[in-house]
N, C-alpha and C. Protein backbone atom coordinates (compact mmCIF):
# COMPACT_ATOMS: atom_id res chain seq x y z
N MET A 1 -13.20 9.73 8.72
CA MET A 1 -12.27 8.60 7.93
C MET A 1 -12.55 7.31 8.69
N ILE A 2 -12.38 7.25 9.88
CA ILE A 2 -12.56 5.98 10.77
C ILE A 2 -13.95 5.27 10.46
N ASP A 3 -15.14 6.29 10.34
CA ASP A 3 -16.40 5.65 10.03
C ASP A 3 -16.38 4.91 8.69
N LEU A 4 -15.65 5.49 7.74
CA LEU A 4 -15.76 5.05 6.38
C LEU A 4 -14.95 3.55 6.31
N ILE A 5 -13.96 3.68 7.14
CA ILE A 5 -13.31 2.05 7.46
C ILE A 5 -14.37 1.25 7.95
N ALA A 6 -14.76 1.67 9.26
CA ALA A 6 -15.76 0.75 9.75
C ALA A 6 -17.00 0.54 9.09
N ASP A 7 -17.38 1.10 8.09
CA ASP A 7 -18.60 1.03 7.42
C ASP A 7 -18.36 0.26 6.16
N TRP A 8 -17.10 0.10 5.79
CA TRP A 8 -16.78 -0.60 4.69
C TRP A 8 -17.52 -1.95 4.59
N PRO A 9 -18.10 -2.38 3.30
CA PRO A 9 -18.89 -3.66 3.49
C PRO A 9 -18.20 -4.92 3.96
N GLY A 10 -16.93 -5.08 3.73
CA GLY A 10 -16.01 -6.13 4.20
C GLY A 10 -15.89 -6.02 5.77
N ALA A 11 -15.81 -4.82 6.22
CA ALA A 11 -15.89 -4.74 7.78
C ALA A 11 -17.09 -4.90 8.53
N VAL A 12 -18.30 -4.50 7.73
CA VAL A 12 -19.76 -4.91 8.36
C VAL A 12 -19.79 -6.40 8.17
N TRP A 13 -19.37 -7.12 7.39
CA TRP A 13 -19.69 -8.52 6.94
C TRP A 13 -18.87 -9.36 8.11
N LEU A 14 -17.64 -8.85 8.49
CA LEU A 14 -17.03 -9.36 9.67
C LEU A 14 -17.58 -9.13 10.90
N GLN A 15 -18.23 -7.96 11.06
CA GLN A 15 -18.99 -7.45 12.36
C GLN A 15 -20.09 -8.38 12.67
N HIS A 16 -20.76 -8.91 11.45
CA HIS A 16 -21.84 -9.62 11.83
C HIS A 16 -21.89 -11.00 11.59
N ASN A 17 -20.79 -11.70 11.16
CA ASN A 17 -20.59 -13.18 10.72
C ASN A 17 -19.23 -13.43 11.43
N TRP A 18 -19.52 -14.33 12.48
CA TRP A 18 -18.55 -14.76 13.40
C TRP A 18 -17.66 -15.72 12.66
N VAL A 19 -18.23 -16.46 11.72
CA VAL A 19 -17.66 -17.56 10.93
C VAL A 19 -16.63 -16.92 9.83
N ALA A 20 -16.98 -15.80 9.30
CA ALA A 20 -16.10 -15.10 8.36
C ALA A 20 -15.17 -14.58 9.21
N TYR A 21 -15.42 -14.12 10.28
CA TYR A 21 -14.26 -13.39 11.11
C TYR A 21 -13.25 -14.38 11.62
N LEU A 22 -13.60 -15.66 11.81
CA LEU A 22 -12.92 -16.78 12.17
C LEU A 22 -11.99 -17.22 11.01
N PHE A 23 -12.61 -17.25 9.89
CA PHE A 23 -11.60 -17.72 8.73
C PHE A 23 -10.71 -16.56 8.39
N VAL A 24 -10.99 -15.36 8.46
CA VAL A 24 -10.03 -14.32 8.15
C VAL A 24 -9.06 -14.17 9.29
N ASN A 25 -9.23 -14.34 10.39
CA ASN A 25 -8.36 -14.40 11.62
C ASN A 25 -7.50 -15.46 11.28
N ALA A 26 -7.88 -16.67 11.00
CA ALA A 26 -6.96 -17.73 10.90
C ALA A 26 -6.22 -17.69 9.63
N THR A 27 -6.68 -17.03 8.75
CA THR A 27 -5.82 -16.53 7.54
C THR A 27 -4.78 -15.79 7.97
N HIS A 28 -5.07 -14.80 8.71
CA HIS A 28 -3.86 -13.94 9.18
C HIS A 28 -3.00 -14.64 10.12
N ILE A 29 -3.27 -15.61 10.67
CA ILE A 29 -2.33 -16.42 11.44
C ILE A 29 -1.53 -17.27 10.65
N LEU A 30 -2.18 -17.76 9.42
CA LEU A 30 -1.39 -18.55 8.66
C LEU A 30 -0.32 -17.68 7.66
N GLY A 31 -0.88 -16.45 7.55
CA GLY A 31 0.37 -15.60 6.91
C GLY A 31 1.39 -15.29 7.87
N ILE A 32 1.23 -15.05 9.08
CA ILE A 32 2.18 -14.89 10.26
C ILE A 32 3.02 -16.20 10.30
N GLY A 33 2.16 -17.40 10.07
CA GLY A 33 3.18 -18.54 10.28
C GLY A 33 4.10 -18.71 8.99
N LEU A 34 3.59 -18.24 7.78
CA LEU A 34 4.42 -18.21 6.63
C LEU A 34 5.67 -17.44 6.84
N ILE A 35 5.32 -16.24 7.28
CA ILE A 35 6.34 -15.08 7.35
C ILE A 35 7.44 -15.85 8.46
N LEU A 36 7.17 -16.14 9.63
CA LEU A 36 8.14 -16.52 10.44
C LEU A 36 8.81 -17.92 10.21
N GLY A 37 7.97 -18.85 9.63
CA GLY A 37 8.41 -20.18 9.24
C GLY A 37 9.47 -19.89 8.01
N ALA A 38 9.31 -18.88 7.25
CA ALA A 38 10.40 -18.70 6.18
C ALA A 38 11.60 -17.79 6.63
N ILE A 39 11.05 -16.46 7.04
CA ILE A 39 12.17 -15.72 7.39
C ILE A 39 13.14 -16.21 8.53
N LEU A 40 12.56 -16.75 9.57
CA LEU A 40 13.61 -17.03 10.74
C LEU A 40 14.65 -18.15 10.19
N PRO A 41 14.26 -19.11 9.50
CA PRO A 41 15.17 -20.07 9.05
C PRO A 41 16.33 -19.48 8.24
N LEU A 42 15.89 -18.61 7.24
CA LEU A 42 16.86 -18.05 6.32
C LEU A 42 17.56 -17.19 7.10
N ASP A 43 17.25 -16.35 7.97
CA ASP A 43 18.02 -15.25 8.80
C ASP A 43 19.05 -16.21 9.45
N LEU A 44 18.61 -17.36 10.34
CA LEU A 44 19.53 -18.15 10.98
C LEU A 44 20.53 -18.74 9.99
N ARG A 45 20.17 -19.24 8.95
CA ARG A 45 21.18 -19.74 7.95
C ARG A 45 22.24 -18.62 7.66
N LEU A 46 21.82 -17.38 7.39
CA LEU A 46 22.58 -16.28 7.22
C LEU A 46 23.57 -15.97 8.39
N LEU A 47 23.00 -16.27 9.63
CA LEU A 47 23.81 -16.06 10.73
C LEU A 47 24.96 -17.14 10.99
N GLY A 48 24.88 -18.21 10.27
CA GLY A 48 25.68 -19.14 10.30
C GLY A 48 25.34 -20.62 10.80
N LEU A 49 24.23 -20.68 11.14
CA LEU A 49 23.60 -21.98 11.50
C LEU A 49 23.03 -22.77 10.25
N PHE A 50 22.93 -24.04 10.43
CA PHE A 50 22.57 -24.96 9.35
C PHE A 50 23.41 -24.66 8.32
N LYS A 51 24.89 -24.79 8.56
CA LYS A 51 25.80 -24.51 7.47
C LYS A 51 25.70 -25.50 6.17
N THR A 52 25.21 -26.70 6.52
CA THR A 52 25.03 -27.79 5.58
C THR A 52 24.04 -27.47 4.43
N VAL A 53 23.14 -26.49 4.66
CA VAL A 53 21.98 -26.13 3.87
C VAL A 53 22.57 -24.85 3.10
N PRO A 54 22.68 -25.23 1.68
CA PRO A 54 23.01 -24.06 0.86
C PRO A 54 21.97 -22.95 0.84
N VAL A 55 22.45 -21.67 1.12
CA VAL A 55 21.80 -20.50 0.93
C VAL A 55 21.14 -20.24 -0.51
N THR A 56 22.00 -20.89 -1.52
CA THR A 56 21.61 -20.68 -3.05
C THR A 56 20.13 -21.60 -3.08
N VAL A 57 20.13 -22.62 -2.25
CA VAL A 57 18.89 -23.44 -2.41
C VAL A 57 17.68 -22.86 -1.67
N ILE A 58 17.97 -22.43 -0.38
CA ILE A 58 16.75 -22.18 0.39
C ILE A 58 16.25 -20.67 0.42
N ALA A 59 17.44 -19.65 0.02
CA ALA A 59 16.98 -18.40 -0.08
C ALA A 59 15.71 -17.86 -1.03
N PRO A 60 15.88 -18.30 -2.29
CA PRO A 60 14.77 -18.04 -3.24
C PRO A 60 13.38 -18.42 -2.72
N PHE A 61 13.41 -19.78 -2.30
CA PHE A 61 12.06 -20.35 -1.82
C PHE A 61 11.47 -19.66 -0.62
N LEU A 62 12.42 -19.63 0.53
CA LEU A 62 12.01 -18.98 1.82
C LEU A 62 11.52 -17.54 1.51
N SER A 63 12.37 -16.74 0.59
CA SER A 63 11.93 -15.38 0.24
C SER A 63 10.64 -15.23 -0.23
N ARG A 64 10.47 -16.12 -1.17
CA ARG A 64 8.95 -16.13 -1.97
C ARG A 64 7.87 -16.47 -0.90
N ALA A 65 8.32 -17.49 -0.02
CA ALA A 65 7.16 -18.03 0.81
C ALA A 65 6.93 -17.04 1.80
N ALA A 66 8.00 -16.23 2.34
CA ALA A 66 7.74 -15.01 3.33
C ALA A 66 7.02 -13.97 2.73
N ALA A 67 7.35 -13.71 1.38
CA ALA A 67 6.44 -12.53 0.71
C ALA A 67 4.96 -13.08 0.49
N VAL A 68 4.68 -14.36 0.43
CA VAL A 68 3.32 -14.79 0.32
C VAL A 68 2.74 -14.43 1.83
N GLY A 69 3.54 -14.77 2.85
CA GLY A 69 3.05 -14.60 4.19
C GLY A 69 2.72 -12.96 4.47
N VAL A 70 3.66 -12.41 4.10
CA VAL A 70 3.38 -10.92 4.32
C VAL A 70 2.17 -10.41 3.63
N GLY A 71 2.03 -10.55 2.36
CA GLY A 71 0.80 -10.45 1.50
C GLY A 71 -0.56 -10.79 2.46
N LEU A 72 -0.62 -12.12 2.71
CA LEU A 72 -1.68 -12.70 3.38
C LEU A 72 -1.93 -11.81 4.70
N ALA A 73 -0.79 -11.73 5.48
CA ALA A 73 -0.98 -11.13 6.94
C ALA A 73 -1.38 -9.69 6.68
N MET A 74 -0.86 -8.93 5.64
CA MET A 74 -1.03 -7.31 5.47
C MET A 74 -2.47 -7.21 5.19
N VAL A 75 -3.15 -8.17 4.11
CA VAL A 75 -4.48 -7.93 3.64
C VAL A 75 -5.37 -8.37 4.65
N THR A 76 -5.29 -9.44 5.39
CA THR A 76 -6.06 -10.08 6.36
C THR A 76 -5.99 -9.00 7.69
N GLY A 77 -4.85 -8.48 7.87
CA GLY A 77 -4.70 -7.67 9.21
C GLY A 77 -5.36 -6.34 8.85
N LEU A 78 -5.26 -5.80 7.72
CA LEU A 78 -6.17 -4.55 7.40
C LEU A 78 -7.68 -4.85 7.58
N TRP A 79 -7.81 -5.97 7.07
CA TRP A 79 -9.36 -6.32 7.10
C TRP A 79 -9.91 -6.50 8.49
N LEU A 80 -8.87 -7.07 9.40
CA LEU A 80 -9.34 -7.17 10.61
C LEU A 80 -9.43 -5.88 11.33
N PHE A 81 -8.48 -4.99 11.14
CA PHE A 81 -8.43 -3.66 11.60
C PHE A 81 -9.68 -2.99 11.38
N SER A 82 -10.17 -3.18 10.00
CA SER A 82 -11.33 -2.47 9.68
C SER A 82 -12.60 -2.67 10.42
N VAL A 83 -12.56 -3.71 11.26
CA VAL A 83 -13.73 -4.09 12.10
C VAL A 83 -13.92 -3.12 13.30
N LYS A 84 -12.81 -2.63 13.84
CA LYS A 84 -12.67 -1.58 14.88
C LYS A 84 -11.59 -0.78 14.93
N PRO A 85 -11.62 -0.01 13.90
CA PRO A 85 -10.28 0.78 13.66
C PRO A 85 -10.13 1.95 14.91
N ASP A 86 -11.29 2.34 15.28
CA ASP A 86 -11.03 3.34 16.53
C ASP A 86 -10.24 2.70 17.76
N GLU A 87 -10.84 1.52 17.93
CA GLU A 87 -10.13 0.67 19.25
C GLU A 87 -8.70 0.46 18.99
N TYR A 88 -8.40 -0.15 17.79
CA TYR A 88 -7.01 -0.57 17.41
C TYR A 88 -6.15 0.90 17.29
N LEU A 89 -6.68 2.06 16.84
CA LEU A 89 -5.74 3.07 16.77
C LEU A 89 -5.57 3.63 18.29
N SER A 90 -6.32 3.31 19.28
CA SER A 90 -6.01 3.64 20.53
C SER A 90 -5.38 2.59 21.48
N ASN A 91 -4.94 1.71 20.75
CA ASN A 91 -4.32 0.29 21.50
C ASN A 91 -2.57 0.68 21.20
N PRO A 92 -1.90 0.84 22.41
CA PRO A 92 -0.52 1.11 22.12
C PRO A 92 0.28 -0.16 21.63
N ALA A 93 -0.32 -1.56 21.92
CA ALA A 93 0.25 -2.70 21.32
C ALA A 93 0.00 -2.59 19.78
N PHE A 94 -1.12 -2.13 19.28
CA PHE A 94 -1.29 -2.20 17.76
C PHE A 94 -0.52 -1.11 17.21
N LEU A 95 -0.31 0.11 17.70
CA LEU A 95 0.61 1.06 17.41
C LEU A 95 2.15 0.38 17.32
N THR A 96 2.39 -0.14 18.42
CA THR A 96 3.75 -0.77 18.29
C THR A 96 3.93 -1.57 17.29
N LYS A 97 2.98 -2.64 17.14
CA LYS A 97 3.04 -3.59 16.16
C LYS A 97 3.19 -2.91 14.84
N ALA A 98 2.39 -1.99 14.52
CA ALA A 98 2.44 -1.37 13.19
C ALA A 98 3.80 -0.61 12.96
N GLY A 99 4.35 -0.04 14.02
CA GLY A 99 5.52 0.58 13.70
C GLY A 99 6.63 -0.50 13.55
N LEU A 100 6.79 -1.62 14.19
CA LEU A 100 7.72 -2.61 14.15
C LEU A 100 7.61 -3.05 12.70
N LEU A 101 6.23 -3.47 12.35
CA LEU A 101 6.16 -3.90 11.05
C LEU A 101 6.75 -3.13 9.89
N VAL A 102 6.51 -1.80 10.08
CA VAL A 102 7.19 -1.06 9.15
C VAL A 102 8.71 -1.15 8.97
N PHE A 103 9.31 -1.35 10.17
CA PHE A 103 10.79 -1.51 10.27
C PHE A 103 11.11 -2.87 9.89
N ALA A 104 10.39 -4.02 10.15
CA ALA A 104 10.64 -5.14 9.69
C ALA A 104 10.64 -5.40 8.01
N VAL A 105 9.55 -4.70 7.43
CA VAL A 105 9.57 -4.83 6.06
C VAL A 105 10.70 -3.96 5.36
N GLY A 106 10.65 -2.92 5.94
CA GLY A 106 11.82 -2.03 5.31
C GLY A 106 13.26 -2.77 5.49
N ASN A 107 13.51 -3.35 6.77
CA ASN A 107 14.85 -4.07 6.85
C ASN A 107 14.87 -5.28 5.69
N VAL A 108 13.91 -5.89 5.48
CA VAL A 108 13.91 -6.70 4.61
C VAL A 108 14.13 -6.47 3.01
N ALA A 109 13.33 -5.11 2.93
CA ALA A 109 13.57 -4.64 1.51
C ALA A 109 15.18 -4.03 1.40
N ALA A 110 15.57 -3.40 2.37
CA ALA A 110 17.16 -2.85 2.52
C ALA A 110 18.00 -4.12 2.22
N GLN A 111 17.85 -5.21 2.97
CA GLN A 111 18.80 -6.41 2.96
C GLN A 111 18.70 -6.88 1.49
N HIS A 112 17.47 -7.16 0.84
CA HIS A 112 17.49 -7.67 -0.42
C HIS A 112 18.05 -6.93 -1.53
N ARG A 113 18.39 -5.56 -1.32
CA ARG A 113 19.01 -4.80 -2.23
C ARG A 113 20.40 -4.73 -2.05
N MET A 114 20.87 -5.17 -0.88
CA MET A 114 22.32 -5.14 -0.52
C MET A 114 23.16 -6.10 -1.71
N PRO A 115 24.30 -5.64 -2.16
CA PRO A 115 24.96 -6.43 -3.05
C PRO A 115 25.55 -7.75 -2.32
N GLY A 116 25.90 -7.59 -1.00
CA GLY A 116 26.44 -8.72 -0.20
C GLY A 116 25.42 -9.83 -0.02
N PHE A 117 24.23 -9.56 0.04
CA PHE A 117 22.90 -10.41 0.26
C PHE A 117 22.74 -11.08 -1.28
N ARG A 118 22.72 -10.50 -2.26
CA ARG A 118 22.72 -10.91 -3.66
C ARG A 118 23.84 -11.94 -3.90
N ARG A 119 25.04 -11.49 -3.28
CA ARG A 119 26.32 -12.55 -3.39
C ARG A 119 26.14 -13.69 -2.72
N ALA A 120 25.56 -13.50 -1.37
CA ALA A 120 25.35 -14.65 -0.66
C ALA A 120 24.34 -15.76 -1.28
N VAL A 121 23.15 -15.07 -1.74
CA VAL A 121 22.21 -16.02 -2.39
C VAL A 121 22.82 -16.65 -3.57
N GLN A 122 23.74 -16.06 -4.23
CA GLN A 122 24.34 -16.68 -5.67
C GLN A 122 25.52 -17.61 -5.02
N GLY A 123 25.72 -18.02 -3.80
CA GLY A 123 26.72 -18.86 -3.28
C GLY A 123 28.00 -18.10 -2.77
N GLY A 124 28.04 -16.89 -2.80
CA GLY A 124 29.23 -16.31 -2.18
C GLY A 124 29.27 -16.09 -0.71
N ALA A 125 30.20 -15.67 0.02
CA ALA A 125 30.29 -15.64 1.44
C ALA A 125 29.37 -14.66 1.86
N VAL A 126 28.73 -15.11 3.14
CA VAL A 126 27.87 -14.12 3.86
C VAL A 126 28.61 -12.97 4.59
N SER A 127 28.52 -11.85 4.12
CA SER A 127 29.35 -10.83 4.73
C SER A 127 28.77 -10.37 6.12
N GLY A 128 29.62 -9.49 6.97
CA GLY A 128 29.08 -9.01 8.17
C GLY A 128 27.88 -8.19 8.17
N SER A 129 27.79 -7.47 7.06
CA SER A 129 26.63 -6.60 7.06
C SER A 129 25.32 -7.37 6.70
N VAL A 130 25.39 -8.48 5.98
CA VAL A 130 24.36 -9.43 5.93
C VAL A 130 23.98 -10.13 7.08
N LYS A 131 24.87 -10.56 7.90
CA LYS A 131 24.61 -10.98 9.06
C LYS A 131 23.74 -10.02 10.13
N LEU A 132 24.30 -8.71 10.01
CA LEU A 132 23.66 -7.77 10.91
C LEU A 132 22.32 -7.85 10.47
N PHE A 133 21.94 -7.49 9.16
CA PHE A 133 20.66 -7.53 8.80
C PHE A 133 19.78 -8.59 9.20
N ALA A 134 20.36 -9.70 9.08
CA ALA A 134 19.65 -10.90 9.46
C ALA A 134 19.14 -11.06 11.01
N ALA A 135 20.31 -10.48 11.77
CA ALA A 135 19.99 -10.50 13.22
C ALA A 135 19.01 -9.57 13.56
N VAL A 136 19.04 -8.33 13.01
CA VAL A 136 17.96 -7.11 13.22
C VAL A 136 16.67 -7.89 12.65
N SER A 137 16.45 -8.62 11.58
CA SER A 137 15.24 -9.23 11.02
C SER A 137 14.60 -10.10 12.00
N VAL A 138 15.54 -11.02 12.76
CA VAL A 138 15.06 -12.02 13.79
C VAL A 138 14.37 -11.02 14.77
N VAL A 139 15.13 -10.27 15.51
CA VAL A 139 14.65 -9.40 16.49
C VAL A 139 13.23 -8.64 16.15
N LEU A 140 13.16 -8.11 14.96
CA LEU A 140 12.06 -7.22 14.55
C LEU A 140 10.90 -8.17 14.21
N TRP A 141 11.07 -9.34 13.44
CA TRP A 141 9.86 -10.15 13.35
C TRP A 141 9.32 -10.72 14.65
N LEU A 142 10.29 -11.26 15.53
CA LEU A 142 9.54 -11.75 16.74
C LEU A 142 9.07 -10.67 17.56
N SER A 143 9.53 -9.45 17.39
CA SER A 143 8.97 -8.28 18.16
C SER A 143 7.54 -8.03 17.56
N VAL A 144 7.24 -8.04 16.26
CA VAL A 144 6.09 -7.79 15.68
C VAL A 144 5.14 -9.04 16.10
N LEU A 145 5.71 -10.26 16.26
CA LEU A 145 4.56 -11.35 16.81
C LEU A 145 4.18 -11.06 18.12
N VAL A 146 5.09 -10.77 19.10
CA VAL A 146 4.93 -10.34 20.48
C VAL A 146 3.87 -9.33 20.64
N ALA A 147 4.12 -8.03 19.72
CA ALA A 147 3.30 -7.03 19.98
C ALA A 147 2.05 -7.48 19.37
N GLY A 148 1.72 -8.19 18.17
CA GLY A 148 0.66 -8.70 17.74
C GLY A 148 -0.23 -9.44 18.86
N ARG A 149 0.37 -10.32 19.71
CA ARG A 149 -0.34 -11.11 20.62
C ARG A 149 -0.63 -10.07 21.84
N TRP A 150 0.16 -9.00 22.21
CA TRP A 150 -0.23 -8.04 22.89
C TRP A 150 -1.51 -7.39 22.91
N ILE A 151 -1.79 -7.18 21.56
CA ILE A 151 -3.06 -6.30 21.17
C ILE A 151 -4.10 -6.82 22.09
N GLY A 152 -4.22 -8.08 22.08
CA GLY A 152 -5.58 -8.75 22.78
C GLY A 152 -5.54 -8.57 24.18
N PHE A 153 -4.52 -8.01 24.88
CA PHE A 153 -4.34 -8.07 26.37
C PHE A 153 -4.48 -6.50 26.86
N LEU A 154 -4.54 -5.63 26.06
CA LEU A 154 -4.83 -4.16 26.36
C LEU A 154 -6.33 -3.81 25.96
């Protein structure tokens, strides 16, 4: 299975074309920037900072921007993974990042399904459970970022 991934034409192209690799990697970083640049301000607002900024105004836009970032980061991340899948699968930092990413995306999905989150986005009070999910989100997404940087050091 690993050989199938590494022999995929997209992986082979990146293995032999440093310029393509550079742009896919840069797009991955752009996705990460969109994620953190959208999720962190929204979570911080839900936690009570920036109270003059209405949640009803920023939540829909920031949620969509973060979703675009997640899509970009996931597609490009899988593409970059395909270049050296055996190395990544034996890298504890990569495995940590992958696990944290599952939890971070799951946390966002659970939060967005909460009635309290929907009420907050519609202008209602921000409940304690929404704040808890926002705090967990901040920790998880920053942990994903650190684990991703850690990959290159192992």
